[in-house]
Amino acid sequence: GSLRLSCEVSGATMNSYGIGWFRQAPGLEREF
């Protein structure tokens, strides 16, 4: 299947920021 996640940024415009996604499965390290 497919899924779309959203990341809403507030407090500043995101034009000056790189945005990364990471994930963490149970018992594992967080990964890029």
PDB file of all heavy atoms in Angstrom:
ATOM      1  N   GLY A   1       0.805  -1.217   0.000  1.00  0.00           N
ATOM      2  CA  GLY A   1       0.000   0.000   0.000  1.00  0.00           C
ATOM      3  C   GLY A   1       0.836   1.265   0.000  1.00  0.00           C
ATOM      4  O   GLY A   1       2.069   1.230   0.004  1.00  0.00           O
ATOM      5  N   SER A   2       0.131   2.391   0.018  1.00  0.00           N
ATOM      6  CA  SER A   2       0.765   3.703   0.002  1.00  0.00           C
ATOM      7  C   SER A   2       0.263   4.536   1.164  1.00  0.00           C
ATOM      8  O   SER A   2      -0.847   4.315   1.678  1.00  0.00           O
ATOM      9  CB  SER A   2       0.452   4.430  -1.315  1.00  0.00           C
ATOM     10  OG  SER A   2       0.982   3.735  -2.421  1.00  0.00           O
ATOM     11  N   LEU A   3       1.071   5.506   1.529  1.00  0.00           N
ATOM     12  CA  LEU A   3       0.723   6.386   2.629  1.00  0.00           C
ATOM     13  C   LEU A   3       1.473   7.691   2.433  1.00  0.00           C
ATOM     14  O   LEU A   3       2.600   7.695   1.920  1.00  0.00           O
ATOM     15  CB  LEU A   3       1.121   5.749   3.953  1.00  0.00           C
ATOM     16  CG  LEU A   3       0.473   6.227   5.241  1.00  0.00           C
ATOM     17  CD1 LEU A   3      -1.041   6.028   5.200  1.00  0.00           C
ATOM     18  CD2 LEU A   3       1.066   5.475   6.433  1.00  0.00           C
ATOM     19  N   ARG A   4       0.843   8.792   2.839  1.00  0.00           N
ATOM     20  CA  ARG A   4       1.540  10.075   2.795  1.00  0.00           C
ATOM     21  C   ARG A   4       1.550  10.689   4.192  1.00  0.00           C
ATOM     22  O   ARG A   4       0.505  10.884   4.805  1.00  0.00           O
ATOM     23  CB  ARG A   4       0.865  11.049   1.818  1.00  0.00           C
ATOM     24  CG  ARG A   4       1.695  12.316   1.611  1.00  0.00           C
ATOM     25  CD  ARG A   4       1.060  13.275   0.633  1.00  0.00           C
ATOM     26  NE  ARG A   4      -0.022  14.036   1.238  1.00  0.00           N
ATOM     27  CZ  ARG A   4      -0.533  15.156   0.709  1.00  0.00           C
ATOM     28  NH1 ARG A   4      -0.058  15.615  -0.432  1.00  0.00           N
ATOM     29  NH2 ARG A   4      -1.520  15.786   1.317  1.00  0.00           N
ATOM     30  N   LEU A   5       2.745  10.978   4.664  1.00  0.00           N
ATOM     31  CA  LEU A   5       2.914  11.658   5.944  1.00  0.00           C
ATOM     32  C   LEU A   5       3.108  13.149   5.702  1.00  0.00           C
ATOM     33  O   LEU A   5       3.659  13.547   4.677  1.00  0.00           O
ATOM     34  CB  LEU A   5       4.118  11.096   6.702  1.00  0.00           C
ATOM     35  CG  LEU A   5       4.149   9.588   6.936  1.00  0.00           C
ATOM     36  CD1 LEU A   5       5.379   9.222   7.768  1.00  0.00           C
ATOM     37  CD2 LEU A   5       2.883   9.100   7.601  1.00  0.00           C
ATOM     38  N   SER A   6       2.666  13.933   6.673  1.00  0.00           N
ATOM     39  CA  SER A   6       2.852  15.381   6.613  1.00  0.00           C
ATOM     40  C   SER A   6       3.690  15.845   7.791  1.00  0.00           C
ATOM     41  O   SER A   6       3.617  15.269   8.877  1.00  0.00           O
ATOM     42  CB  SER A   6       1.500  16.102   6.653  1.00  0.00           C
ATOM     43  OG  SER A   6       0.693  15.738   5.566  1.00  0.00           O
ATOM     44  N   CYS A   7       4.454  16.879   7.566  1.00  0.00           N
ATOM     45  CA  CYS A   7       5.245  17.512   8.617  1.00  0.00           C
ATOM     46  C   CYS A   7       4.973  19.016   8.531  1.00  0.00           C
ATOM     47  O   CYS A   7       5.439  19.675   7.605  1.00  0.00           O
ATOM     48  CB  CYS A   7       6.722  17.226   8.432  1.00  0.00           C
ATOM     49  SG  CYS A   7       7.818  18.113   9.564  1.00  0.00           S
ATOM     50  N   GLU A   8       4.203  19.511   9.464  1.00  0.00           N
ATOM     51  CA  GLU A   8       3.864  20.930   9.477  1.00  0.00           C
ATOM     52  C   GLU A   8       4.894  21.685  10.299  1.00  0.00           C
ATOM     53  O   GLU A   8       5.158  21.348  11.462  1.00  0.00           O
ATOM     54  CB  GLU A   8       2.473  21.149  10.064  1.00  0.00           C
ATOM     55  CG  GLU A   8       2.013  22.584  10.013  1.00  0.00           C
ATOM     56  CD  GLU A   8       0.596  22.768  10.535  1.00  0.00           C
ATOM     57  OE1 GLU A   8      -0.091  21.751  10.748  1.00  0.00           O
ATOM     58  OE2 GLU A   8       0.191  23.921  10.731  1.00  0.00           O
ATOM     59  N   VAL A   9       5.492  22.693   9.693  1.00  0.00           N
ATOM     60  CA  VAL A   9       6.546  23.472  10.326  1.00  0.00           C
ATOM     61  C   VAL A   9       5.976  24.817  10.778  1.00  0.00           C
ATOM     62  O   VAL A   9       5.298  25.494  10.006  1.00  0.00           O
ATOM     63  CB  VAL A   9       7.715  23.698   9.353  1.00  0.00           C
ATOM     64  CG1 VAL A   9       8.817  24.512  10.019  1.00  0.00           C
ATOM     65  CG2 VAL A   9       8.250  22.361   8.859  1.00  0.00           C
ATOM     66  N   SER A  10       6.253  25.197  12.005  1.00  0.00           N
ATOM     67  CA  SER A  10       5.793  26.485  12.507  1.00  0.00           C
ATOM     68  C   SER A  10       6.907  27.150  13.292  1.00  0.00           C
ATOM     69  O   SER A  10       7.886  26.516  13.673  1.00  0.00           O
ATOM     70  CB  SER A  10       4.545  26.317  13.379  1.00  0.00           C
ATOM     71  OG  SER A  10       4.815  25.495  14.489  1.00  0.00           O
ATOM     72  N   GLY A  11       6.759  28.435  13.529  1.00  0.00           N
ATOM     73  CA  GLY A  11       7.766  29.181  14.265  1.00  0.00           C
ATOM     74  C   GLY A  11       8.754  29.891  13.369  1.00  0.00           C
ATOM     75  O   GLY A  11       9.471  30.786  13.817  1.00  0.00           O
ATOM     76  N   ALA A  12       8.818  29.501  12.123  1.00  0.00           N
ATOM     77  CA  ALA A  12       9.692  30.124  11.138  1.00  0.00           C
ATOM     78  C   ALA A  12       9.338  29.544   9.782  1.00  0.00           C
ATOM     79  O   ALA A  12       8.743  28.470   9.700  1.00  0.00           O
ATOM     80  CB  ALA A  12      11.164  29.867  11.451  1.00  0.00           C
ATOM     81  N   THR A  13       9.722  30.264   8.745  1.00  0.00           N
ATOM     82  CA  THR A  13       9.501  29.681   7.424  1.00  0.00           C
ATOM     83  C   THR A  13      10.530  28.590   7.211  1.00  0.00           C
ATOM     84  O   THR A  13      11.648  28.653   7.721  1.00  0.00           O
ATOM     85  CB  THR A  13       9.640  30.746   6.326  1.00  0.00           C
ATOM     86  OG1 THR A  13      10.959  31.265   6.356  1.00  0.00           O
ATOM     87  CG2 THR A  13       8.643  31.876   6.537  1.00  0.00           C
ATOM     88  N   MET A  14      10.168  27.603   6.450  1.00  0.00           N
ATOM     89  CA  MET A  14      11.076  26.481   6.269  1.00  0.00           C
ATOM     90  C   MET A  14      12.019  26.690   5.093  1.00  0.00           C
ATOM     91  O   MET A  14      12.791  25.794   4.759  1.00  0.00           O
ATOM     92  CB  MET A  14      10.290  25.184   6.113  1.00  0.00           C
ATOM     93  CG  MET A  14       9.374  25.144   4.915  1.00  0.00           C
ATOM     94  SD  MET A  14       8.449  23.592   4.886  1.00  0.00           S
ATOM     95  CE  MET A  14       7.735  23.722   3.250  1.00  0.00           C
ATOM     96  N   ASN A  15      11.962  27.872   4.489  1.00  0.00           N
ATOM     97  CA  ASN A  15      12.803  28.118   3.324  1.00  0.00           C
ATOM     98  C   ASN A  15      14.300  28.076   3.636  1.00  0.00           C
ATOM     99  O   ASN A  15      15.117  27.932   2.725  1.00  0.00           O
ATOM    100  CB  ASN A  15      12.470  29.477   2.710  1.00  0.00           C
ATOM    101  CG  ASN A  15      11.087  29.504   2.107  1.00  0.00           C
ATOM    102  OD1 ASN A  15      10.480  28.468   1.921  1.00  0.00           O
ATOM    103  ND2 ASN A  15      10.591  30.691   1.824  1.00  0.00           N
ATOM    104  N   SER A  16      14.662  28.226   4.895  1.00  0.00           N
ATOM    105  CA  SER A  16      16.065  28.212   5.273  1.00  0.00           C
ATOM    106  C   SER A  16      16.497  26.891   5.888  1.00  0.00           C
ATOM    107  O   SER A  16      17.618  26.782   6.393  1.00  0.00           O
ATOM    108  CB  SER A  16      16.343  29.326   6.283  1.00  0.00           C
ATOM    109  OG  SER A  16      16.066  30.585   5.734  1.00  0.00           O
ATOM    110  N   TYR A  17      15.621  25.911   5.833  1.00  0.00           N
ATOM    111  CA  TYR A  17      15.905  24.672   6.534  1.00  0.00           C
ATOM    112  C   TYR A  17      15.835  23.469   5.603  1.00  0.00           C
ATOM    113  O   TYR A  17      14.935  23.350   4.773  1.00  0.00           O
ATOM    114  CB  TYR A  17      14.887  24.456   7.659  1.00  0.00           C
ATOM    115  CG  TYR A  17      15.035  25.442   8.791  1.00  0.00           C
ATOM    116  CD1 TYR A  17      14.400  26.675   8.736  1.00  0.00           C
ATOM    117  CD2 TYR A  17      15.819  25.147   9.895  1.00  0.00           C
ATOM    118  CE1 TYR A  17      14.541  27.590   9.762  1.00  0.00           C
ATOM    119  CE2 TYR A  17      15.968  26.054  10.929  1.00  0.00           C
ATOM    120  CZ  TYR A  17      15.322  27.274  10.853  1.00  0.00           C
ATOM    121  OH  TYR A  17      15.472  28.170  11.869  1.00  0.00           O
ATOM    122  N   GLY A  18      16.804  22.600   5.789  1.00  0.00           N
ATOM    123  CA  GLY A  18      16.687  21.282   5.220  1.00  0.00           C
ATOM    124  C   GLY A  18      15.777  20.459   6.120  1.00  0.00           C
ATOM    125  O   GLY A  18      15.830  20.590   7.341  1.00  0.00           O
ATOM    126  N   ILE A  19      14.941  19.640   5.528  1.00  0.00           N
ATOM    127  CA  ILE A  19      14.009  18.815   6.295  1.00  0.00           C
ATOM    128  C   ILE A  19      14.315  17.353   6.026  1.00  0.00           C
ATOM    129  O   ILE A  19      14.360  16.915   4.868  1.00  0.00           O
ATOM    130  CB  ILE A  19      12.549  19.104   5.922  1.00  0.00           C
ATOM    131  CG1 ILE A  19      12.213  20.597   6.123  1.00  0.00           C
ATOM    132  CG2 ILE A  19      11.612  18.215   6.744  1.00  0.00           C
ATOM    133  CD1 ILE A  19      12.225  21.056   7.553  1.00  0.00           C
ATOM    134  N   GLY A  20      14.508  16.619   7.081  1.00  0.00           N
ATOM    135  CA  GLY A  20      14.799  15.197   6.967  1.00  0.00           C
ATOM    136  C   GLY A  20      13.708  14.354   7.595  1.00  0.00           C
ATOM    137  O   GLY A  20      12.984  14.813   8.468  1.00  0.00           O
ATOM    138  N   TRP A  21      13.592  13.145   7.109  1.00  0.00           N
ATOM    139  CA  TRP A  21      12.696  12.146   7.686  1.00  0.00           C
ATOM    140  C   TRP A  21      13.548  10.996   8.208  1.00  0.00           C
ATOM    141  O   TRP A  21      14.435  10.496   7.506  1.00  0.00           O
ATOM    142  CB  TRP A  21      11.714  11.628   6.644  1.00  0.00           C
ATOM    143  CG  TRP A  21      10.634  12.601   6.261  1.00  0.00           C
ATOM    144  CD1 TRP A  21      10.671  13.496   5.227  1.00  0.00           C
ATOM    145  CD2 TRP A  21       9.369  12.783   6.893  1.00  0.00           C
ATOM    146  NE1 TRP A  21       9.511  14.215   5.188  1.00  0.00           N
ATOM    147  CE2 TRP A  21       8.683  13.794   6.189  1.00  0.00           C
ATOM    148  CE3 TRP A  21       8.723  12.185   7.983  1.00  0.00           C
ATOM    149  CZ2 TRP A  21       7.398  14.224   6.550  1.00  0.00           C
ATOM    150  CZ3 TRP A  21       7.450  12.607   8.333  1.00  0.00           C
ATOM    151  CH2 TRP A  21       6.799  13.611   7.624  1.00  0.00           C
ATOM    152  N   PHE A  22      13.219  10.576   9.420  1.00  0.00           N
ATOM    153  CA  PHE A  22      13.872   9.446  10.053  1.00  0.00           C
ATOM    154  C   PHE A  22      12.794   8.495  10.560  1.00  0.00           C
ATOM    155  O   PHE A  22      11.629   8.892  10.693  1.00  0.00           O
ATOM    156  CB  PHE A  22      14.729   9.923  11.241  1.00  0.00           C
ATOM    157  CG  PHE A  22      15.897  10.779  10.846  1.00  0.00           C
ATOM    158  CD1 PHE A  22      15.722  12.115  10.510  1.00  0.00           C
ATOM    159  CD2 PHE A  22      17.174  10.251  10.809  1.00  0.00           C
ATOM    160  CE1 PHE A  22      16.799  12.915  10.130  1.00  0.00           C
ATOM    161  CE2 PHE A  22      18.260  11.039  10.438  1.00  0.00           C
ATOM    162  CZ  PHE A  22      18.066  12.363  10.106  1.00  0.00           C
ATOM    163  N   ARG A  23      13.181   7.278  10.849  1.00  0.00           N
ATOM    164  CA  ARG A  23      12.214   6.337  11.407  1.00  0.00           C
ATOM    165  C   ARG A  23      12.905   5.436  12.424  1.00  0.00           C
ATOM    166  O   ARG A  23      14.110   5.228  12.370  1.00  0.00           O
ATOM    167  CB  ARG A  23      11.564   5.484  10.310  1.00  0.00           C
ATOM    168  CG  ARG A  23      12.519   4.536   9.606  1.00  0.00           C
ATOM    169  CD  ARG A  23      11.832   3.856   8.430  1.00  0.00           C
ATOM    170  NE  ARG A  23      12.732   2.922   7.740  1.00  0.00           N
ATOM    171  CZ  ARG A  23      12.443   2.321   6.597  1.00  0.00           C
ATOM    172  NH1 ARG A  23      11.273   2.554   5.993  1.00  0.00           N
ATOM    173  NH2 ARG A  23      13.298   1.497   6.047  1.00  0.00           N
ATOM    174  N   GLN A  24      12.075   4.920  13.329  1.00  0.00           N
ATOM    175  CA  GLN A  24      12.604   4.029  14.351  1.00  0.00           C
ATOM    176  C   GLN A  24      11.629   2.893  14.584  1.00  0.00           C
ATOM    177  O   GLN A  24      10.468   3.120  14.947  1.00  0.00           O
ATOM    178  CB  GLN A  24      12.853   4.783  15.663  1.00  0.00           C
ATOM    179  CG  GLN A  24      13.537   3.954  16.713  1.00  0.00           C
ATOM    180  CD  GLN A  24      14.001   4.780  17.892  1.00  0.00           C
ATOM    181  OE1 GLN A  24      13.487   5.857  18.163  1.00  0.00           O
ATOM    182  NE2 GLN A  24      15.002   4.280  18.611  1.00  0.00           N
ATOM    183  N   ALA A  25      12.120   1.681  14.371  1.00  0.00           N
ATOM    184  CA  ALA A  25      11.343   0.480  14.656  1.00  0.00           C
ATOM    185  C   ALA A  25      11.631   0.039  16.084  1.00  0.00           C
ATOM    186  O   ALA A  25      12.701   0.350  16.636  1.00  0.00           O
ATOM    187  CB  ALA A  25      11.707  -0.622  13.667  1.00  0.00           C
ATOM    188  N   PRO A  26      10.708  -0.699  16.708  1.00  0.00           N
ATOM    189  CA  PRO A  26      10.921  -1.151  18.088  1.00  0.00           C
ATOM    190  C   PRO A  26      12.222  -1.930  18.222  1.00  0.00           C
ATOM    191  O   PRO A  26      12.509  -2.830  17.437  1.00  0.00           O
ATOM    192  CB  PRO A  26       9.704  -2.044  18.344  1.00  0.00           C
ATOM    193  CG  PRO A  26       8.664  -1.544  17.422  1.00  0.00           C
ATOM    194  CD  PRO A  26       9.387  -1.097  16.190  1.00  0.00           C
ATOM    195  N   GLY A  27      13.015  -1.556  19.215  1.00  0.00           N
ATOM    196  CA  GLY A  27      14.244  -2.271  19.482  1.00  0.00           C
ATOM    197  C   GLY A  27      15.407  -1.914  18.580  1.00  0.00           C
ATOM    198  O   GLY A  27      16.512  -2.471  18.736  1.00  0.00           O
ATOM    199  N   LEU A  28      15.190  -1.013  17.650  1.00  0.00           N
ATOM    200  CA  LEU A  28      16.247  -0.640  16.704  1.00  0.00           C
ATOM    201  C   LEU A  28      16.606   0.831  16.844  1.00  0.00           C
ATOM    202  O   LEU A  28      15.840   1.623  17.396  1.00  0.00           O
ATOM    203  CB  LEU A  28      15.811  -0.933  15.270  1.00  0.00           C
ATOM    204  CG  LEU A  28      15.510  -2.390  14.930  1.00  0.00           C
ATOM    205  CD1 LEU A  28      15.076  -2.513  13.476  1.00  0.00           C
ATOM    206  CD2 LEU A  28      16.704  -3.281  15.215  1.00  0.00           C
ATOM    207  N   GLU A  29      17.763   1.171  16.303  1.00  0.00           N
ATOM    208  CA  GLU A  29      18.189   2.559  16.291  1.00  0.00           C
ATOM    209  C   GLU A  29      17.349   3.361  15.295  1.00  0.00           C
ATOM    210  O   GLU A  29      16.865   2.815  14.292  1.00  0.00           O
ATOM    211  CB  GLU A  29      19.661   2.642  15.860  1.00  0.00           C
ATOM    212  CG  GLU A  29      20.632   1.920  16.757  1.00  0.00           C
ATOM    213  CD  GLU A  29      21.073   2.797  17.912  1.00  0.00           C
ATOM    214  OE1 GLU A  29      21.249   4.013  17.704  1.00  0.00           O
ATOM    215  OE2 GLU A  29      21.220   2.260  19.017  1.00  0.00           O
ATOM    216  N   ARG A  30      17.214   4.617  15.572  1.00  0.00           N
ATOM    217  CA  ARG A  30      16.560   5.487  14.603  1.00  0.00           C
ATOM    218  C   ARG A  30      17.440   5.587  13.362  1.00  0.00           C
ATOM    219  O   ARG A  30      18.681   5.677  13.473  1.00  0.00           O
ATOM    220  CB  ARG A  30      16.323   6.866  15.205  1.00  0.00           C
ATOM    221  CG  ARG A  30      15.478   7.773  14.336  1.00  0.00           C
ATOM    222  CD  ARG A  30      14.825   8.873  15.158  1.00  0.00           C
ATOM    223  NE  ARG A  30      15.776   9.686  15.887  1.00  0.00           N
ATOM    224  CZ  ARG A  30      15.407  10.627  16.769  1.00  0.00           C
ATOM    225  NH1 ARG A  30      14.129  10.858  17.008  1.00  0.00           N
ATOM    226  NH2 ARG A  30      16.319  11.333  17.397  1.00  0.00           N
ATOM    227  N   GLU A  31      16.814   5.562  12.192  1.00  0.00           N
ATOM    228  CA  GLU A  31      17.574   5.577  10.954  1.00  0.00           C
ATOM    229  C   GLU A  31      17.052   6.643  10.008  1.00  0.00           C
ATOM    230  O   GLU A  31      15.870   7.004  10.014  1.00  0.00           O
ATOM    231  CB  GLU A  31      17.516   4.209  10.254  1.00  0.00           C
ATOM    232  CG  GLU A  31      16.138   3.793   9.783  1.00  0.00           C
ATOM    233  CD  GLU A  31      16.151   2.481   9.000  1.00  0.00           C
ATOM    234  OE1 GLU A  31      17.229   1.900   8.790  1.00  0.00           O
ATOM    235  OE2 GLU A  31      15.053   2.049   8.596  1.00  0.00           O
ATOM    236  N   PHE A  32      17.955   7.097   9.190  1.00  0.00           N
ATOM    237  CA  PHE A  32      17.634   8.106   8.182  1.00  0.00           C
ATOM    238  C   PHE A  32      16.800   7.485   7.069  1.00  0.00           C
ATOM    239  O   PHE A  32      17.026   6.337   6.660  1.00  0.00           O
ATOM    240  CB  PHE A  32      18.930   8.666   7.613  1.00  0.00           C
ATOM    241  CG  PHE A  32      18.751   9.537   6.413  1.00  0.00           C
ATOM    242  CD1 PHE A  32      18.308  10.842   6.537  1.00  0.00           C
ATOM    243  CD2 PHE A  32      19.020   9.045   5.142  1.00  0.00           C
ATOM    244  CE1 PHE A  32      18.147  11.650   5.424  1.00  0.00           C
ATOM    245  CE2 PHE A  32      18.865   9.839   4.025  1.00  0.00           C
ATOM    246  CZ  PHE A  32      18.425  11.143   4.163  1.00  0.00           C
TER     247      PHE A  32
END
